[in-house]
Protein backbone atom coordinates (compact mmCIF):
# COMPACT_ATOMS: atom_id res chain seq x y z
CA MET A 1 5.00 7.38 -25.67
CA ASP A 2 3.38 8.21 -22.34
CA ALA A 3 3.60 5.80 -19.43
CA PRO A 4 0.31 4.14 -18.44
CA MET A 5 -1.80 6.20 -16.08
CA LYS A 6 -1.92 4.92 -12.51
CA PHE A 7 -5.30 3.64 -11.44
CA MET A 8 -6.91 3.45 -8.01
CA GLN A 9 -10.01 1.75 -6.76
CA ILE A 10 -11.75 2.92 -3.60
CA ILE A 11 -13.74 0.30 -1.71
CA ASP A 12 -16.26 1.76 0.74
CA PHE A 13 -17.64 -0.69 3.28
CA GLU A 14 -18.98 -1.17 6.78
CA THR A 15 -18.16 -4.09 9.06
CA GLU A 16 -18.30 -5.05 12.69
CA ARG A 17 -15.72 -7.76 11.92
CA ILE A 18 -12.65 -5.73 10.95
CA ASP A 19 -10.18 -8.19 12.50
CA GLU A 20 -11.57 -10.98 10.31
CA MET A 21 -11.45 -8.61 7.33
CA ARG A 22 -7.78 -7.86 8.01
CA GLU A 23 -6.96 -11.56 8.28
CA LEU A 24 -8.76 -12.26 5.01
CA ALA A 25 -6.76 -9.47 3.32
CA ARG A 26 -3.46 -10.85 4.71
CA GLU A 27 -4.26 -14.36 3.46
CA THR A 28 -5.16 -13.05 0.01
CA GLU A 29 -2.03 -10.88 -0.17
CA ALA A 30 0.11 -13.90 0.72
CA ARG A 31 -1.47 -15.94 -2.09
CA LEU A 32 -0.98 -13.14 -4.61
CA ALA A 33 2.57 -12.16 -3.58
CA GLY A 34 4.95 -12.06 -6.50
CA THR A 35 2.29 -12.04 -9.20
CA ASN A 36 2.61 -9.46 -11.97
CA GLY A 37 -0.07 -6.86 -12.59
CA GLY A 38 -1.65 -6.95 -9.16
CA PRO A 39 -2.09 -4.11 -6.72
CA THR A 40 1.02 -2.07 -5.95
CA ARG A 41 -0.26 -0.40 -2.78
CA ARG A 42 -3.19 -0.61 -0.37
CA LEU A 43 -4.29 2.06 2.08
CA VAL A 44 -6.92 1.30 4.74
CA LEU A 45 -8.82 4.23 6.24
CA LYS A 46 -11.21 4.22 9.22
CA ASP A 47 -13.89 6.90 9.34
CA ARG A 48 -13.55 8.77 12.66
CA GLY A 49 -17.15 9.99 12.47
CA GLN A 50 -18.87 6.69 11.69
CA PRO A 51 -18.05 3.55 13.67
CA ASN A 52 -17.39 0.47 11.53
CA HIS A 53 -17.07 2.53 8.30
CA TYR A 54 -13.89 1.98 6.27
CA LEU A 55 -12.38 2.96 2.94
CA VAL A 56 -9.67 0.96 1.21
CA VAL A 57 -7.69 2.57 -1.59
CA VAL A 58 -5.97 0.06 -3.86
CA GLU A 59 -3.39 1.29 -6.37
CA PHE A 60 -2.46 -0.35 -9.67
CA ASP A 61 0.11 0.60 -12.28
CA SER A 62 -2.67 0.86 -14.87
CA TYR A 63 -6.38 0.40 -15.48
CA GLU A 64 -5.55 -2.68 -17.57
CA ASP A 65 -3.70 -4.26 -14.63
CA ALA A 66 -6.70 -3.56 -12.39
CA MET A 67 -9.11 -5.18 -14.85
CA ARG A 68 -6.90 -8.28 -15.17
CA ASN A 69 -6.78 -8.46 -11.38
CA SER A 70 -10.56 -8.05 -11.22
CA ASP A 71 -11.00 -11.01 -13.61
CA ASP A 72 -8.76 -13.25 -11.48
CA PRO A 73 -10.74 -16.01 -9.68
CA GLU A 74 -8.77 -15.27 -6.46
CA THR A 75 -10.02 -11.68 -6.55
CA THR A 76 -13.60 -12.86 -7.06
CA LYS A 77 -13.25 -15.24 -4.13
CA PHE A 78 -11.82 -12.46 -1.94
CA ALA A 79 -14.65 -10.07 -2.90
CA GLU A 80 -17.29 -12.66 -2.00
CA GLN A 81 -15.65 -13.41 1.35
CA MET A 82 -15.23 -9.70 2.06
CA ALA A 83 -18.88 -8.97 1.27
CA ALA A 84 -19.94 -11.71 3.70
CA LEU A 85 -18.13 -9.83 6.50
CA CYS A 86 -19.83 -6.51 5.70
CA THR A 87 -22.98 -5.10 7.25
CA ARG A 88 -23.96 -3.62 3.86
CA PRO A 89 -22.72 -4.38 0.35
CA PRO A 90 -19.40 -2.64 -0.39
CA SER A 91 -19.32 0.04 -3.07
CA PHE A 92 -16.50 0.54 -5.56
CA THR A 93 -15.22 3.74 -7.15
CA ASP A 94 -12.72 3.51 -10.03
CA CYS A 95 -10.31 6.43 -10.44
CA ASP A 96 -7.63 7.42 -12.94
CA VAL A 97 -4.82 9.21 -11.09
CA GLN A 98 -4.52 12.71 -12.54
CA GLU A 99 -1.80 14.10 -10.31
CA THR A 100 0.20 13.23 -7.21
CA THR A 101 2.32 15.41 -4.96
CA ASP A 102 4.67 14.09 -2.32
CA PHE A 103 5.22 16.46 0.59
CA ALA A 104 8.45 15.58 2.34
């Protein structure tokens, strides 16, 4: 039987309040620490060509884990607080990981 396919969600947003956004993310991560099925990795990217434009890539072990996380009231609360710090509504892209290569 094949292992579940990794899943990533890309959150595209703009904010002039990135320090508050980072603090909100840290608080949420602290509350969720040690829970099963949550995100396994988070990558924050800042667009060099567009001030205040960011992408966050969140990795999960599976699509099912991501959907359980999405249904969690803490995640809903975080998303609402995050959106309030944005200058436009964030957009979400859901991705099944097809292939990864580590270059060492």
